[in-house]
Amino acid sequence: MTRALRVSSYPTLLYIDGTSVHQLPATGTPLATLNGILDELLAEKQAATATEPPSILATLTGAER
């Protein structure tokens, strides 16, 4: 699994979104840098989610995203 995720060191931080995996900077990275990267990834996710139709499961169960 580590090879498939391209993990070559420990600790490794990963942001996993469905089938997308983004390796985040870890040891020695300023918190502001890590937060900036996470903010960008979450903004992309939110923008993509806003344009997607509701999932069939959400439709059937009445669940909201």
PDB file of N, CA and C in Angstrom:
ATOM      1  N   MET A   1       0.826  -1.185   0.000  1.00  0.00           N
ATOM      2  CA  MET A   1       0.000   0.000   0.000  1.00  0.00           C
ATOM      3  C   MET A   1       0.876   1.258   0.000  1.00  0.00           C
ATOM      4  N   THR A   2       1.963   1.237   0.753  1.00  0.00           N
ATOM      5  CA  THR A   2       2.811   2.429   0.787  1.00  0.00           C
ATOM      6  C   THR A   2       3.408   2.746  -0.584  1.00  0.00           C
ATOM      7  N   ARG A   3       3.765   1.729  -1.334  1.00  0.00           N
ATOM      8  CA  ARG A   3       4.265   1.965  -2.694  1.00  0.00           C
ATOM      9  C   ARG A   3       3.176   2.558  -3.575  1.00  0.00           C
ATOM     10  N   ALA A   4       1.974   2.013  -3.465  1.00  0.00           N
ATOM     11  CA  ALA A   4       0.862   2.513  -4.285  1.00  0.00           C
ATOM     12  C   ALA A   4       0.550   3.970  -3.968  1.00  0.00           C
ATOM     13  N   LEU A   5       0.727   4.355  -2.702  1.00  0.00           N
ATOM     14  CA  LEU A   5       0.469   5.736  -2.293  1.00  0.00           C
ATOM     15  C   LEU A   5       1.700   6.628  -2.426  1.00  0.00           C
ATOM     16  N   ARG A   6       2.805   6.037  -2.883  1.00  0.00           N
ATOM     17  CA  ARG A   6       4.081   6.740  -3.078  1.00  0.00           C
ATOM     18  C   ARG A   6       4.623   7.310  -1.766  1.00  0.00           C
ATOM     19  N   VAL A   7       4.458   6.560  -0.708  1.00  0.00           N
ATOM     20  CA  VAL A   7       4.988   6.945   0.594  1.00  0.00           C
ATOM     21  C   VAL A   7       6.393   6.380   0.709  1.00  0.00           C
ATOM     22  N   SER A   8       7.354   7.267   0.963  1.00  0.00           N
ATOM     23  CA  SER A   8       8.737   6.798   1.047  1.00  0.00           C
ATOM     24  C   SER A   8       9.402   7.148   2.370  1.00  0.00           C
ATOM     25  N   SER A   9       8.687   7.833   3.251  1.00  0.00           N
ATOM     26  CA  SER A   9       9.277   8.176   4.540  1.00  0.00           C
ATOM     27  C   SER A   9       8.194   8.224   5.613  1.00  0.00           C
ATOM     28  N   TYR A  10       8.671   8.298   6.855  1.00  0.00           N
ATOM     29  CA  TYR A  10       7.750   8.343   7.988  1.00  0.00           C
ATOM     30  C   TYR A  10       8.146   9.531   8.851  1.00  0.00           C
ATOM     31  N   PRO A  11       7.279  10.335   9.347  1.00  0.00           N
ATOM     32  CA  PRO A  11       5.835  10.298   9.115  1.00  0.00           C
ATOM     33  C   PRO A  11       5.474  10.908   7.764  1.00  0.00           C
ATOM     34  N   THR A  12       4.396  10.450   7.205  1.00  0.00           N
ATOM     35  CA  THR A  12       3.863  10.988   5.954  1.00  0.00           C
ATOM     36  C   THR A  12       2.417  11.380   6.188  1.00  0.00           C
ATOM     37  N   LEU A  13       2.071  12.585   5.790  1.00  0.00           N
ATOM     38  CA  LEU A  13       0.695  13.052   5.883  1.00  0.00           C
ATOM     39  C   LEU A  13       0.052  12.950   4.512  1.00  0.00           C
ATOM     40  N   LEU A  14      -1.134  12.345   4.479  1.00  0.00           N
ATOM     41  CA  LEU A  14      -1.864  12.195   3.224  1.00  0.00           C
ATOM     42  C   LEU A  14      -3.243  12.812   3.366  1.00  0.00           C
ATOM     43  N   TYR A  15      -3.681  13.488   2.315  1.00  0.00           N
ATOM     44  CA  TYR A  15      -5.064  13.953   2.218  1.00  0.00           C
ATOM     45  C   TYR A  15      -5.695  13.062   1.162  1.00  0.00           C
ATOM     46  N   ILE A  16      -6.663  12.255   1.584  1.00  0.00           N
ATOM     47  CA  ILE A  16      -7.304  11.301   0.683  1.00  0.00           C
ATOM     48  C   ILE A  16      -8.725  11.767   0.425  1.00  0.00           C
ATOM     49  N   ASP A  17      -9.037  11.947  -0.843  1.00  0.00           N
ATOM     50  CA  ASP A  17     -10.347  12.431  -1.249  1.00  0.00           C
ATOM     51  C   ASP A  17     -10.884  11.491  -2.320  1.00  0.00           C
ATOM     52  N   GLY A  18     -11.662  10.524  -1.888  1.00  0.00           N
ATOM     53  CA  GLY A  18     -12.173   9.539  -2.849  1.00  0.00           C
ATOM     54  C   GLY A  18     -11.028   8.706  -3.379  1.00  0.00           C
ATOM     55  N   THR A  19     -10.729   8.878  -4.660  1.00  0.00           N
ATOM     56  CA  THR A  19      -9.632   8.122  -5.263  1.00  0.00           C
ATOM     57  C   THR A  19      -8.377   8.967  -5.420  1.00  0.00           C
ATOM     58  N   SER A  20      -8.433  10.238  -5.042  1.00  0.00           N
ATOM     59  CA  SER A  20      -7.266  11.120  -5.124  1.00  0.00           C
ATOM     60  C   SER A  20      -6.511  11.103  -3.804  1.00  0.00           C
ATOM     61  N   VAL A  21      -5.195  11.013  -3.909  1.00  0.00           N
ATOM     62  CA  VAL A  21      -4.337  11.044  -2.727  1.00  0.00           C
ATOM     63  C   VAL A  21      -3.314  12.148  -2.935  1.00  0.00           C
ATOM     64  N   HIS A  22      -3.237  13.051  -1.970  1.00  0.00           N
ATOM     65  CA  HIS A  22      -2.276  14.144  -2.029  1.00  0.00           C
ATOM     66  C   HIS A  22      -1.328  14.005  -0.844  1.00  0.00           C
ATOM     67  N   GLN A  23      -0.037  13.921  -1.140  1.00  0.00           N
ATOM     68  CA  GLN A  23       0.944  13.849  -0.070  1.00  0.00           C
ATOM     69  C   GLN A  23       1.212  15.269   0.410  1.00  0.00           C
ATOM     70  N   LEU A  24       1.123  15.466   1.718  1.00  0.00           N
ATOM     71  CA  LEU A  24       1.320  16.774   2.314  1.00  0.00           C
ATOM     72  C   LEU A  24       2.717  16.865   2.907  1.00  0.00           C
ATOM     73  N   PRO A  25       3.263  18.070   2.955  1.00  0.00           N
ATOM     74  CA  PRO A  25       4.571  18.212   3.597  1.00  0.00           C
ATOM     75  C   PRO A  25       4.437  17.920   5.076  1.00  0.00           C
ATOM     76  N   ALA A  26       5.463  17.328   5.657  1.00  0.00           N
ATOM     77  CA  ALA A  26       5.361  16.932   7.060  1.00  0.00           C
ATOM     78  C   ALA A  26       6.461  17.573   7.882  1.00  0.00           C
ATOM     79  N   THR A  27       7.365  16.780   8.365  1.00  0.00           N
ATOM     80  CA  THR A  27       8.391  17.210   9.303  1.00  0.00           C
ATOM     81  C   THR A  27       9.124  18.462   8.820  1.00  0.00           C
ATOM     82  N   GLY A  28       9.160  19.471   9.688  1.00  0.00           N
ATOM     83  CA  GLY A  28       9.895  20.692   9.381  1.00  0.00           C
ATOM     84  C   GLY A  28       9.115  21.728   8.603  1.00  0.00           C
ATOM     85  N   THR A  29       7.902  21.414   8.198  1.00  0.00           N
ATOM     86  CA  THR A  29       7.088  22.353   7.432  1.00  0.00           C
ATOM     87  C   THR A  29       6.356  23.283   8.393  1.00  0.00           C
ATOM     88  N   PRO A  30       6.434  24.585   8.152  1.00  0.00           N
ATOM     89  CA  PRO A  30       5.697  25.505   9.021  1.00  0.00           C
ATOM     90  C   PRO A  30       4.191  25.224   8.961  1.00  0.00           C
ATOM     91  N   LEU A  31       3.532  25.391  10.085  1.00  0.00           N
ATOM     92  CA  LEU A  31       2.098  25.135  10.164  1.00  0.00           C
ATOM     93  C   LEU A  31       1.320  25.994   9.170  1.00  0.00           C
ATOM     94  N   ALA A  32       1.746  27.221   8.968  1.00  0.00           N
ATOM     95  CA  ALA A  32       1.062  28.110   8.020  1.00  0.00           C
ATOM     96  C   ALA A  32       1.100  27.528   6.604  1.00  0.00           C
ATOM     97  N   THR A  33       2.210  26.913   6.238  1.00  0.00           N
ATOM     98  CA  THR A  33       2.328  26.289   4.913  1.00  0.00           C
ATOM     99  C   THR A  33       1.387  25.109   4.794  1.00  0.00           C
ATOM    100  N   LEU A  34       1.386  24.247   5.796  1.00  0.00           N
ATOM    101  CA  LEU A  34       0.498  23.085   5.788  1.00  0.00           C
ATOM    102  C   LEU A  34      -0.960  23.527   5.734  1.00  0.00           C
ATOM    103  N   ASN A  35      -1.319  24.513   6.543  1.00  0.00           N
ATOM    104  CA  ASN A  35      -2.695  25.021   6.531  1.00  0.00           C
ATOM    105  C   ASN A  35      -3.077  25.603   5.182  1.00  0.00           C
ATOM    106  N   GLY A  36      -2.153  26.299   4.534  1.00  0.00           N
ATOM    107  CA  GLY A  36      -2.425  26.866   3.210  1.00  0.00           C
ATOM    108  C   GLY A  36      -2.718  25.783   2.183  1.00  0.00           C
ATOM    109  N   ILE A  37      -1.926  24.733   2.206  1.00  0.00           N
ATOM    110  CA  ILE A  37      -2.134  23.623   1.267  1.00  0.00           C
ATOM    111  C   ILE A  37      -3.470  22.941   1.537  1.00  0.00           C
ATOM    112  N   LEU A  38      -3.763  22.689   2.811  1.00  0.00           N
ATOM    113  CA  LEU A  38      -5.047  22.067   3.163  1.00  0.00           C
ATOM    114  C   LEU A  38      -6.222  22.954   2.770  1.00  0.00           C
ATOM    115  N   ASP A  39      -6.092  24.261   2.989  1.00  0.00           N
ATOM    116  CA  ASP A  39      -7.158  25.190   2.590  1.00  0.00           C
ATOM    117  C   ASP A  39      -7.420  25.114   1.092  1.00  0.00           C
ATOM    118  N   GLU A  40      -6.360  25.034   0.291  1.00  0.00           N
ATOM    119  CA  GLU A  40      -6.509  24.928  -1.165  1.00  0.00           C
ATOM    120  C   GLU A  40      -7.217  23.625  -1.549  1.00  0.00           C
ATOM    121  N   LEU A  41      -6.791  22.525  -0.967  1.00  0.00           N
ATOM    122  CA  LEU A  41      -7.399  21.230  -1.274  1.00  0.00           C
ATOM    123  C   LEU A  41      -8.878  21.208  -0.878  1.00  0.00           C
ATOM    124  N   LEU A  42      -9.191  21.751   0.296  1.00  0.00           N
ATOM    125  CA  LEU A  42     -10.581  21.767   0.758  1.00  0.00           C
ATOM    126  C   LEU A  42     -11.435  22.706  -0.091  1.00  0.00           C
ATOM    127  N   ALA A  43     -10.865  23.821  -0.556  1.00  0.00           N
ATOM    128  CA  ALA A  43     -11.601  24.732  -1.436  1.00  0.00           C
ATOM    129  C   ALA A  43     -11.908  24.057  -2.766  1.00  0.00           C
ATOM    130  N   GLU A  44     -10.934  23.310  -3.300  1.00  0.00           N
ATOM    131  CA  GLU A  44     -11.164  22.552  -4.542  1.00  0.00           C
ATOM    132  C   GLU A  44     -12.268  21.530  -4.344  1.00  0.00           C
ATOM    133  N   LYS A  45     -12.243  20.839  -3.210  1.00  0.00           N
ATOM    134  CA  LYS A  45     -13.266  19.835  -2.902  1.00  0.00           C
ATOM    135  C   LYS A  45     -14.639  20.484  -2.804  1.00  0.00           C
ATOM    136  N   GLN A  46     -14.713  21.618  -2.120  1.00  0.00           N
ATOM    137  CA  GLN A  46     -15.979  22.314  -1.957  1.00  0.00           C
ATOM    138  C   GLN A  46     -16.509  22.800  -3.307  1.00  0.00           C
ATOM    139  N   ALA A  47     -15.641  23.319  -4.152  1.00  0.00           N
ATOM    140  CA  ALA A  47     -16.065  23.784  -5.474  1.00  0.00           C
ATOM    141  C   ALA A  47     -16.563  22.623  -6.323  1.00  0.00           C
ATOM    142  N   ALA A  48     -15.879  21.492  -6.267  1.00  0.00           N
ATOM    143  CA  ALA A  48     -16.293  20.315  -7.036  1.00  0.00           C
ATOM    144  C   ALA A  48     -17.611  19.768  -6.512  1.00  0.00           C
ATOM    145  N   THR A  49     -17.778  19.765  -5.207  1.00  0.00           N
ATOM    146  CA  THR A  49     -18.997  19.247  -4.599  1.00  0.00           C
ATOM    147  C   THR A  49     -20.194  20.120  -4.935  1.00  0.00           C
ATOM    148  N   ALA A  50     -19.974  21.422  -5.028  1.00  0.00           N
ATOM    149  CA  ALA A  50     -21.067  22.353  -5.312  1.00  0.00           C
ATOM    150  C   ALA A  50     -21.638  22.146  -6.710  1.00  0.00           C
ATOM    151  N   THR A  51     -20.827  21.636  -7.630  1.00  0.00           N
ATOM    152  CA  THR A  51     -21.295  21.450  -9.002  1.00  0.00           C
ATOM    153  C   THR A  51     -21.757  20.027  -9.284  1.00  0.00           C
ATOM    154  N   GLU A  52     -21.522  19.117  -8.345  1.00  0.00           N
ATOM    155  CA  GLU A  52     -21.934  17.726  -8.545  1.00  0.00           C
ATOM    156  C   GLU A  52     -23.404  17.552  -8.186  1.00  0.00           C
ATOM    157  N   PRO A  53     -24.115  16.724  -8.917  1.00  0.00           N
ATOM    158  CA  PRO A  53     -25.479  16.405  -8.495  1.00  0.00           C
ATOM    159  C   PRO A  53     -25.427  15.553  -7.226  1.00  0.00           C
ATOM    160  N   PRO A  54     -26.484  15.554  -6.432  1.00  0.00           N
ATOM    161  CA  PRO A  54     -26.480  14.726  -5.224  1.00  0.00           C
ATOM    162  C   PRO A  54     -26.260  13.260  -5.568  1.00  0.00           C
ATOM    163  N   SER A  55     -25.614  12.550  -4.668  1.00  0.00           N
ATOM    164  CA  SER A  55     -25.387  11.133  -4.901  1.00  0.00           C
ATOM    165  C   SER A  55     -26.709  10.386  -4.815  1.00  0.00           C
ATOM    166  N   ILE A  56     -26.770   9.228  -5.419  1.00  0.00           N
ATOM    167  CA  ILE A  56     -27.984   8.422  -5.390  1.00  0.00           C
ATOM    168  C   ILE A  56     -28.318   8.025  -3.954  1.00  0.00           C
ATOM    169  N   LEU A  57     -27.303   7.749  -3.139  1.00  0.00           N
ATOM    170  CA  LEU A  57     -27.533   7.387  -1.747  1.00  0.00           C
ATOM    171  C   LEU A  57     -28.155   8.561  -0.995  1.00  0.00           C
ATOM    172  N   ALA A  58     -27.630   9.764  -1.201  1.00  0.00           N
ATOM    173  CA  ALA A  58     -28.191  10.939  -0.540  1.00  0.00           C
ATOM    174  C   ALA A  58     -29.638  11.166  -0.993  1.00  0.00           C
ATOM    175  N   THR A  59     -29.895  10.953  -2.256  1.00  0.00           N
ATOM    176  CA  THR A  59     -31.246  11.127  -2.769  1.00  0.00           C
ATOM    177  C   THR A  59     -32.200  10.122  -2.147  1.00  0.00           C
ATOM    178  N   LEU A  60     -31.769   8.869  -2.070  1.00  0.00           N
ATOM    179  CA  LEU A  60     -32.638   7.829  -1.534  1.00  0.00           C
ATOM    180  C   LEU A  60     -32.863   7.958  -0.025  1.00  0.00           C
ATOM    181  N   THR A  61     -31.852   8.413   0.689  1.00  0.00           N
ATOM    182  CA  THR A  61     -31.974   8.496   2.139  1.00  0.00           C
ATOM    183  C   THR A  61     -32.406   9.867   2.622  1.00  0.00           C
ATOM    184  N   GLY A  62     -32.397  10.836   1.716  1.00  0.00           N
ATOM    185  CA  GLY A  62     -32.762  12.186   2.118  1.00  0.00           C
ATOM    186  C   GLY A  62     -31.629  12.879   2.844  1.00  0.00           C
ATOM    187  N   ALA A  63     -30.452  12.285   2.818  1.00  0.00           N
ATOM    188  CA  ALA A  63     -29.298  12.860   3.513  1.00  0.00           C
ATOM    189  C   ALA A  63     -28.743  14.023   2.702  1.00  0.00           C
ATOM    190  N   GLU A  64     -28.275  15.032   3.416  1.00  0.00           N
ATOM    191  CA  GLU A  64     -27.633  16.165   2.756  1.00  0.00           C
ATOM    192  C   GLU A  64     -26.143  16.002   2.847  1.00  0.00           C
ATOM    193  N   ARG A  65     -25.449  16.643   1.923  1.00  0.00           N
ATOM    194  CA  ARG A  65     -23.982  16.601   1.930  1.00  0.00           C
ATOM    195  C   ARG A  65     -23.459  17.464   3.011  1.00  0.00           C
TER     196      ARG A  65
END
